[in-house]
Amino acid sequence: MKHCKKCSAGEVRVKILSNGFCQECEHERAWDNKTEYKRQWNTAMRMKMRQKASLEVNRKWKEKYGDASVEEVASYL
């Protein structure tokens, strides 16, 4: 019979994951880990900056070329 490494709860009471921790302890461990939280935050900020950059590029394209497509602009150059 398996037991959680942290709280010693048996598999009758909780589900034991493949890493040896129960679901509750694994959830606590994941959020207590500051590097994991920072990684998730950095990923979210990176996606936010990419969206902002995309909006800025689209705005500048609209100012310079209007509604022209990439192929139309390329044919003029």
PDB file of N, CA and C in Angstrom:
ATOM      1  N   MET A   1       0.837  -1.182   0.000  1.00  0.00           N
ATOM      2  CA  MET A   1       0.000   0.000   0.000  1.00  0.00           C
ATOM      3  C   MET A   1       0.883   1.248   0.000  1.00  0.00           C
ATOM      4  N   LYS A   2       0.572   2.188  -0.878  1.00  0.00           N
ATOM      5  CA  LYS A   2       1.363   3.403  -1.007  1.00  0.00           C
ATOM      6  C   LYS A   2       0.935   4.441   0.023  1.00  0.00           C
ATOM      7  N   HIS A   3       1.899   5.294   0.387  1.00  0.00           N
ATOM      8  CA  HIS A   3       1.651   6.407   1.296  1.00  0.00           C
ATOM      9  C   HIS A   3       2.275   7.656   0.709  1.00  0.00           C
ATOM     10  N   CYS A   4       1.680   8.803   1.023  1.00  0.00           N
ATOM     11  CA  CYS A   4       2.226  10.088   0.591  1.00  0.00           C
ATOM     12  C   CYS A   4       3.554  10.326   1.314  1.00  0.00           C
ATOM     13  N   LYS A   5       4.540  10.851   0.602  1.00  0.00           N
ATOM     14  CA  LYS A   5       5.853  11.122   1.199  1.00  0.00           C
ATOM     15  C   LYS A   5       5.792  12.236   2.248  1.00  0.00           C
ATOM     16  N   LYS A   6       4.858  13.171   2.077  1.00  0.00           N
ATOM     17  CA  LYS A   6       4.815  14.328   2.970  1.00  0.00           C
ATOM     18  C   LYS A   6       3.873  14.124   4.153  1.00  0.00           C
ATOM     19  N   CYS A   7       2.629  13.753   3.871  1.00  0.00           N
ATOM     20  CA  CYS A   7       1.642  13.690   4.959  1.00  0.00           C
ATOM     21  C   CYS A   7       1.330  12.262   5.412  1.00  0.00           C
ATOM     22  N   SER A   8       1.912  11.268   4.772  1.00  0.00           N
ATOM     23  CA  SER A   8       1.741   9.852   5.111  1.00  0.00           C
ATOM     24  C   SER A   8       0.311   9.353   4.984  1.00  0.00           C
ATOM     25  N   ALA A   9      -0.505  10.027   4.189  1.00  0.00           N
ATOM     26  CA  ALA A   9      -1.875   9.569   3.955  1.00  0.00           C
ATOM     27  C   ALA A   9      -1.842   8.367   3.025  1.00  0.00           C
ATOM     28  N   GLY A  10      -2.678   7.403   3.281  1.00  0.00           N
ATOM     29  CA  GLY A  10      -2.724   6.199   2.464  1.00  0.00           C
ATOM     30  C   GLY A  10      -3.544   6.391   1.206  1.00  0.00           C
ATOM     31  N   GLU A  11      -3.389   5.463   0.265  1.00  0.00           N
ATOM     32  CA  GLU A  11      -4.095   5.595  -1.008  1.00  0.00           C
ATOM     33  C   GLU A  11      -5.591   5.303  -0.883  1.00  0.00           C
ATOM     34  N   VAL A  12      -6.017   4.799   0.268  1.00  0.00           N
ATOM     35  CA  VAL A  12      -7.445   4.609   0.500  1.00  0.00           C
ATOM     36  C   VAL A  12      -8.123   5.970   0.661  1.00  0.00           C
ATOM     37  N   ARG A  13      -7.428   6.893   1.331  1.00  0.00           N
ATOM     38  CA  ARG A  13      -7.992   8.210   1.621  1.00  0.00           C
ATOM     39  C   ARG A  13      -7.753   9.225   0.504  1.00  0.00           C
ATOM     40  N   VAL A  14      -6.591   9.189  -0.119  1.00  0.00           N
ATOM     41  CA  VAL A  14      -6.233  10.160  -1.171  1.00  0.00           C
ATOM     42  C   VAL A  14      -5.613   9.430  -2.353  1.00  0.00           C
ATOM     43  N   LYS A  15      -5.540  10.114  -3.488  1.00  0.00           N
ATOM     44  CA  LYS A  15      -4.895   9.543  -4.667  1.00  0.00           C
ATOM     45  C   LYS A  15      -3.410   9.869  -4.613  1.00  0.00           C
ATOM     46  N   ILE A  16      -2.574   8.860  -4.731  1.00  0.00           N
ATOM     47  CA  ILE A  16      -1.127   9.036  -4.715  1.00  0.00           C
ATOM     48  C   ILE A  16      -0.651   9.161  -6.162  1.00  0.00           C
ATOM     49  N   LEU A  17       0.087  10.220  -6.442  1.00  0.00           N
ATOM     50  CA  LEU A  17       0.599  10.455  -7.792  1.00  0.00           C
ATOM     51  C   LEU A  17       1.882   9.660  -8.023  1.00  0.00           C
ATOM     52  N   SER A  18       2.361   9.665  -9.255  1.00  0.00           N
ATOM     53  CA  SER A  18       3.541   8.865  -9.600  1.00  0.00           C
ATOM     54  C   SER A  18       4.816   9.344  -8.902  1.00  0.00           C
ATOM     55  N   ASN A  19       4.856  10.616  -8.465  1.00  0.00           N
ATOM     56  CA  ASN A  19       6.045  11.123  -7.775  1.00  0.00           C
ATOM     57  C   ASN A  19       6.035  10.818  -6.275  1.00  0.00           C
ATOM     58  N   GLY A  20       4.979  10.153  -5.783  1.00  0.00           N
ATOM     59  CA  GLY A  20       4.933   9.741  -4.387  1.00  0.00           C
ATOM     60  C   GLY A  20       4.185  10.677  -3.461  1.00  0.00           C
ATOM     61  N   PHE A  21       3.692  11.813  -3.967  1.00  0.00           N
ATOM     62  CA  PHE A  21       2.933  12.752  -3.152  1.00  0.00           C
ATOM     63  C   PHE A  21       1.448  12.609  -3.457  1.00  0.00           C
ATOM     64  N   CYS A  22       0.594  12.956  -2.484  1.00  0.00           N
ATOM     65  CA  CYS A  22      -0.840  12.972  -2.749  1.00  0.00           C
ATOM     66  C   CYS A  22      -1.162  14.270  -3.515  1.00  0.00           C
ATOM     67  N   GLN A  23      -2.362  14.364  -4.028  1.00  0.00           N
ATOM     68  CA  GLN A  23      -2.742  15.527  -4.839  1.00  0.00           C
ATOM     69  C   GLN A  23      -2.668  16.827  -4.041  1.00  0.00           C
ATOM     70  N   GLU A  24      -3.107  16.809  -2.794  1.00  0.00           N
ATOM     71  CA  GLU A  24      -3.081  18.018  -1.969  1.00  0.00           C
ATOM     72  C   GLU A  24      -1.648  18.489  -1.724  1.00  0.00           C
ATOM     73  N   CYS A  25      -0.774  17.559  -1.360  1.00  0.00           N
ATOM     74  CA  CYS A  25       0.624  17.923  -1.084  1.00  0.00           C
ATOM     75  C   CYS A  25       1.324  18.380  -2.365  1.00  0.00           C
ATOM     76  N   GLU A  26       1.008  17.749  -3.480  1.00  0.00           N
ATOM     77  CA  GLU A  26       1.612  18.141  -4.750  1.00  0.00           C
ATOM     78  C   GLU A  26       1.183  19.555  -5.129  1.00  0.00           C
ATOM     79  N   HIS A  27      -0.079  19.887  -4.894  1.00  0.00           N
ATOM     80  CA  HIS A  27      -0.568  21.231  -5.190  1.00  0.00           C
ATOM     81  C   HIS A  27       0.147  22.260  -4.307  1.00  0.00           C
ATOM     82  N   GLU A  28       0.272  21.975  -3.025  1.00  0.00           N
ATOM     83  CA  GLU A  28       0.994  22.881  -2.116  1.00  0.00           C
ATOM     84  C   GLU A  28       2.447  23.021  -2.544  1.00  0.00           C
ATOM     85  N   ARG A  29       3.061  21.910  -2.877  1.00  0.00           N
ATOM     86  CA  ARG A  29       4.468  21.904  -3.271  1.00  0.00           C
ATOM     87  C   ARG A  29       4.686  22.710  -4.548  1.00  0.00           C
ATOM     88  N   ALA A  30       3.760  22.614  -5.491  1.00  0.00           N
ATOM     89  CA  ALA A  30       3.887  23.341  -6.751  1.00  0.00           C
ATOM     90  C   ALA A  30       3.802  24.847  -6.530  1.00  0.00           C
ATOM     91  N   TRP A  31       2.905  25.300  -5.647  1.00  0.00           N
ATOM     92  CA  TRP A  31       2.764  26.733  -5.423  1.00  0.00           C
ATOM     93  C   TRP A  31       3.764  27.269  -4.413  1.00  0.00           C
ATOM     94  N   ASP A  32       4.317  26.405  -3.583  1.00  0.00           N
ATOM     95  CA  ASP A  32       5.371  26.851  -2.682  1.00  0.00           C
ATOM     96  C   ASP A  32       6.675  27.048  -3.438  1.00  0.00           C
ATOM     97  N   ASN A  33       6.797  26.401  -4.561  1.00  0.00           N
ATOM     98  CA  ASN A  33       8.002  26.497  -5.368  1.00  0.00           C
ATOM     99  C   ASN A  33       7.996  27.836  -6.107  1.00  0.00           C
ATOM    100  N   LYS A  34       8.805  28.768  -5.665  1.00  0.00           N
ATOM    101  CA  LYS A  34       8.809  30.117  -6.229  1.00  0.00           C
ATOM    102  C   LYS A  34       9.270  30.135  -7.676  1.00  0.00           C
ATOM    103  N   THR A  35      10.176  29.248  -8.045  1.00  0.00           N
ATOM    104  CA  THR A  35      10.661  29.252  -9.428  1.00  0.00           C
ATOM    105  C   THR A  35       9.544  28.861 -10.389  1.00  0.00           C
ATOM    106  N   GLU A  36       8.676  27.961  -9.982  1.00  0.00           N
ATOM    107  CA  GLU A  36       7.541  27.575 -10.830  1.00  0.00           C
ATOM    108  C   GLU A  36       6.584  28.751 -10.993  1.00  0.00           C
ATOM    109  N   TYR A  37       6.317  29.464  -9.903  1.00  0.00           N
ATOM    110  CA  TYR A  37       5.431  30.624  -9.970  1.00  0.00           C
ATOM    111  C   TYR A  37       6.043  31.693 -10.872  1.00  0.00           C
ATOM    112  N   LYS A  38       7.350  31.941 -10.726  1.00  0.00           N
ATOM    113  CA  LYS A  38       8.020  32.936 -11.560  1.00  0.00           C
ATOM    114  C   LYS A  38       8.006  32.520 -13.024  1.00  0.00           C
ATOM    115  N   ARG A  39       8.181  31.235 -13.293  1.00  0.00           N
ATOM    116  CA  ARG A  39       8.175  30.752 -14.676  1.00  0.00           C
ATOM    117  C   ARG A  39       6.804  30.998 -15.310  1.00  0.00           C
ATOM    118  N   GLN A  40       5.752  30.702 -14.566  1.00  0.00           N
ATOM    119  CA  GLN A  40       4.406  30.929 -15.086  1.00  0.00           C
ATOM    120  C   GLN A  40       4.150  32.415 -15.293  1.00  0.00           C
ATOM    121  N   TRP A  41       4.603  33.245 -14.371  1.00  0.00           N
ATOM    122  CA  TRP A  41       4.416  34.682 -14.480  1.00  0.00           C
ATOM    123  C   TRP A  41       5.188  35.221 -15.679  1.00  0.00           C
ATOM    124  N   ASN A  42       6.443  34.775 -15.855  1.00  0.00           N
ATOM    125  CA  ASN A  42       7.256  35.214 -16.986  1.00  0.00           C
ATOM    126  C   ASN A  42       6.631  34.808 -18.309  1.00  0.00           C
ATOM    127  N   THR A  43       6.081  33.611 -18.381  1.00  0.00           N
ATOM    128  CA  THR A  43       5.419  33.155 -19.597  1.00  0.00           C
ATOM    129  C   THR A  43       4.219  34.040 -19.908  1.00  0.00           C
ATOM    130  N   ALA A  44       3.428  34.357 -18.901  1.00  0.00           N
ATOM    131  CA  ALA A  44       2.258  35.215 -19.102  1.00  0.00           C
ATOM    132  C   ALA A  44       2.682  36.611 -19.567  1.00  0.00           C
ATOM    133  N   MET A  45       3.719  37.168 -18.951  1.00  0.00           N
ATOM    134  CA  MET A  45       4.195  38.495 -19.341  1.00  0.00           C
ATOM    135  C   MET A  45       4.767  38.486 -20.752  1.00  0.00           C
ATOM    136  N   ARG A  46       5.455  37.418 -21.127  1.00  0.00           N
ATOM    137  CA  ARG A  46       6.017  37.304 -22.477  1.00  0.00           C
ATOM    138  C   ARG A  46       4.891  37.276 -23.515  1.00  0.00           C
ATOM    139  N   MET A  47       3.836  36.528 -23.231  1.00  0.00           N
ATOM    140  CA  MET A  47       2.701  36.478 -24.150  1.00  0.00           C
ATOM    141  C   MET A  47       2.009  37.840 -24.238  1.00  0.00           C
ATOM    142  N   LYS A  48       1.904  38.533 -23.112  1.00  0.00           N
ATOM    143  CA  LYS A  48       1.285  39.857 -23.094  1.00  0.00           C
ATOM    144  C   LYS A  48       2.102  40.843 -23.922  1.00  0.00           C
ATOM    145  N   MET A  49       3.426  40.795 -23.790  1.00  0.00           N
ATOM    146  CA  MET A  49       4.292  41.688 -24.563  1.00  0.00           C
ATOM    147  C   MET A  49       4.221  41.374 -26.056  1.00  0.00           C
ATOM    148  N   ARG A  50       4.119  40.098 -26.412  1.00  0.00           N
ATOM    149  CA  ARG A  50       3.986  39.731 -27.826  1.00  0.00           C
ATOM    150  C   ARG A  50       2.691  40.268 -28.402  1.00  0.00           C
ATOM    151  N   GLN A  51       1.612  40.208 -27.625  1.00  0.00           N
ATOM    152  CA  GLN A  51       0.333  40.747 -28.091  1.00  0.00           C
ATOM    153  C   GLN A  51       0.418  42.258 -28.267  1.00  0.00           C
ATOM    154  N   LYS A  52       1.061  42.941 -27.320  1.00  0.00           N
ATOM    155  CA  LYS A  52       1.214  44.386 -27.428  1.00  0.00           C
ATOM    156  C   LYS A  52       2.065  44.747 -28.643  1.00  0.00           C
ATOM    157  N   ALA A  53       3.131  43.994 -28.892  1.00  0.00           N
ATOM    158  CA  ALA A  53       3.990  44.246 -30.044  1.00  0.00           C
ATOM    159  C   ALA A  53       3.231  44.014 -31.340  1.00  0.00           C
ATOM    160  N   SER A  54       2.416  42.978 -31.370  1.00  0.00           N
ATOM    161  CA  SER A  54       1.621  42.688 -32.560  1.00  0.00           C
ATOM    162  C   SER A  54       0.650  43.834 -32.852  1.00  0.00           C
ATOM    163  N   LEU A  55       0.014  44.360 -31.826  1.00  0.00           N
ATOM    164  CA  LEU A  55      -0.897  45.491 -32.006  1.00  0.00           C
ATOM    165  C   LEU A  55      -0.146  46.718 -32.519  1.00  0.00           C
ATOM    166  N   GLU A  56       1.044  46.960 -31.998  1.00  0.00           N
ATOM    167  CA  GLU A  56       1.853  48.102 -32.419  1.00  0.00           C
ATOM    168  C   GLU A  56       2.283  47.962 -33.878  1.00  0.00           C
ATOM    169  N   VAL A  57       2.699  46.766 -34.278  1.00  0.00           N
ATOM    170  CA  VAL A  57       3.101  46.522 -35.664  1.00  0.00           C
ATOM    171  C   VAL A  57       1.906  46.734 -36.587  1.00  0.00           C
ATOM    172  N   ASN A  58       0.757  46.207 -36.200  1.00  0.00           N
ATOM    173  CA  ASN A  58      -0.447  46.383 -37.018  1.00  0.00           C
ATOM    174  C   ASN A  58      -0.838  47.850 -37.139  1.00  0.00           C
ATOM    175  N   ARG A  59      -0.690  48.598 -36.052  1.00  0.00           N
ATOM    176  CA  ARG A  59      -1.019  50.024 -36.073  1.00  0.00           C
ATOM    177  C   ARG A  59      -0.086  50.776 -37.014  1.00  0.00           C
ATOM    178  N   LYS A  60       1.211  50.492 -36.931  1.00  0.00           N
ATOM    179  CA  LYS A  60       2.175  51.169 -37.799  1.00  0.00           C
ATOM    180  C   LYS A  60       1.977  50.784 -39.262  1.00  0.00           C
ATOM    181  N   TRP A  61       1.634  49.516 -39.507  1.00  0.00           N
ATOM    182  CA  TRP A  61       1.360  49.077 -40.881  1.00  0.00           C
ATOM    183  C   TRP A  61       0.170  49.854 -41.434  1.00  0.00           C
ATOM    184  N   LYS A  62      -0.871  50.000 -40.608  1.00  0.00           N
ATOM    185  CA  LYS A  62      -2.080  50.702 -41.022  1.00  0.00           C
ATOM    186  C   LYS A  62      -1.761  52.157 -41.355  1.00  0.00           C
ATOM    187  N   GLU A  63      -0.903  52.808 -40.535  1.00  0.00           N
ATOM    188  CA  GLU A  63      -0.521  54.197 -40.786  1.00  0.00           C
ATOM    189  C   GLU A  63       0.246  54.331 -42.095  1.00  0.00           C
ATOM    190  N   LYS A  64       1.162  53.416 -42.338  1.00  0.00           N
ATOM    191  CA  LYS A  64       2.058  53.546 -43.480  1.00  0.00           C
ATOM    192  C   LYS A  64       1.417  53.062 -44.781  1.00  0.00           C
ATOM    193  N   TYR A  65       0.740  51.901 -44.748  1.00  0.00           N
ATOM    194  CA  TYR A  65       0.252  51.293 -45.977  1.00  0.00           C
ATOM    195  C   TYR A  65      -1.268  51.237 -46.086  1.00  0.00           C
ATOM    196  N   GLY A  66      -1.982  51.599 -45.063  1.00  0.00           N
ATOM    197  CA  GLY A  66      -3.438  51.543 -45.105  1.00  0.00           C
ATOM    198  C   GLY A  66      -3.935  50.111 -45.089  1.00  0.00           C
ATOM    199  N   ASP A  67      -4.881  49.808 -45.962  1.00  0.00           N
ATOM    200  CA  ASP A  67      -5.473  48.472 -46.007  1.00  0.00           C
ATOM    201  C   ASP A  67      -4.783  47.559 -47.008  1.00  0.00           C
ATOM    202  N   ALA A  68      -3.647  47.969 -47.554  1.00  0.00           N
ATOM    203  CA  ALA A  68      -2.952  47.161 -48.563  1.00  0.00           C
ATOM    204  C   ALA A  68      -2.414  45.874 -47.948  1.00  0.00           C
ATOM    205  N   SER A  69      -2.445  44.809 -48.727  1.00  0.00           N
ATOM    206  CA  SER A  69      -1.926  43.527 -48.253  1.00  0.00           C
ATOM    207  C   SER A  69      -0.414  43.483 -48.439  1.00  0.00           C
ATOM    208  N   VAL A  70       0.210  42.472 -47.901  1.00  0.00           N
ATOM    209  CA  VAL A  70       1.659  42.316 -47.993  1.00  0.00           C
ATOM    210  C   VAL A  70       2.079  42.142 -49.457  1.00  0.00           C
ATOM    211  N   GLU A  71       1.293  41.380 -50.234  1.00  0.00           N
ATOM    212  CA  GLU A  71       1.619  41.134 -51.628  1.00  0.00           C
ATOM    213  C   GLU A  71       1.558  42.433 -52.438  1.00  0.00           C
ATOM    214  N   GLU A  72       0.565  43.274 -52.177  1.00  0.00           N
ATOM    215  CA  GLU A  72       0.441  44.552 -52.889  1.00  0.00           C
ATOM    216  C   GLU A  72       1.638  45.461 -52.596  1.00  0.00           C
ATOM    217  N   VAL A  73       2.035  45.523 -51.333  1.00  0.00           N
ATOM    218  CA  VAL A  73       3.170  46.361 -50.955  1.00  0.00           C
ATOM    219  C   VAL A  73       4.450  45.816 -51.578  1.00  0.00           C
ATOM    220  N   ALA A  74       4.599  44.501 -51.573  1.00  0.00           N
ATOM    221  CA  ALA A  74       5.796  43.890 -52.152  1.00  0.00           C
ATOM    222  C   ALA A  74       5.877  44.134 -53.649  1.00  0.00           C
ATOM    223  N   SER A  75       4.754  44.183 -54.333  1.00  0.00           N
ATOM    224  CA  SER A  75       4.769  44.417 -55.784  1.00  0.00           C
ATOM    225  C   SER A  75       5.175  45.854 -56.114  1.00  0.00           C
ATOM    226  N   TYR A  76       4.918  46.813 -55.215  1.00  0.00           N
ATOM    227  CA  TYR A  76       5.330  48.197 -55.453  1.00  0.00           C
ATOM    228  C   TYR A  76       6.808  48.396 -55.214  1.00  0.00           C
ATOM    229  N   LEU A  77       7.385  47.600 -54.340  1.00  0.00           N
ATOM    230  CA  LEU A  77       8.806  47.776 -53.994  1.00  0.00           C
ATOM    231  C   LEU A  77       9.622  47.104 -54.991  1.00  0.00           C
TER     232      LEU A  77
END
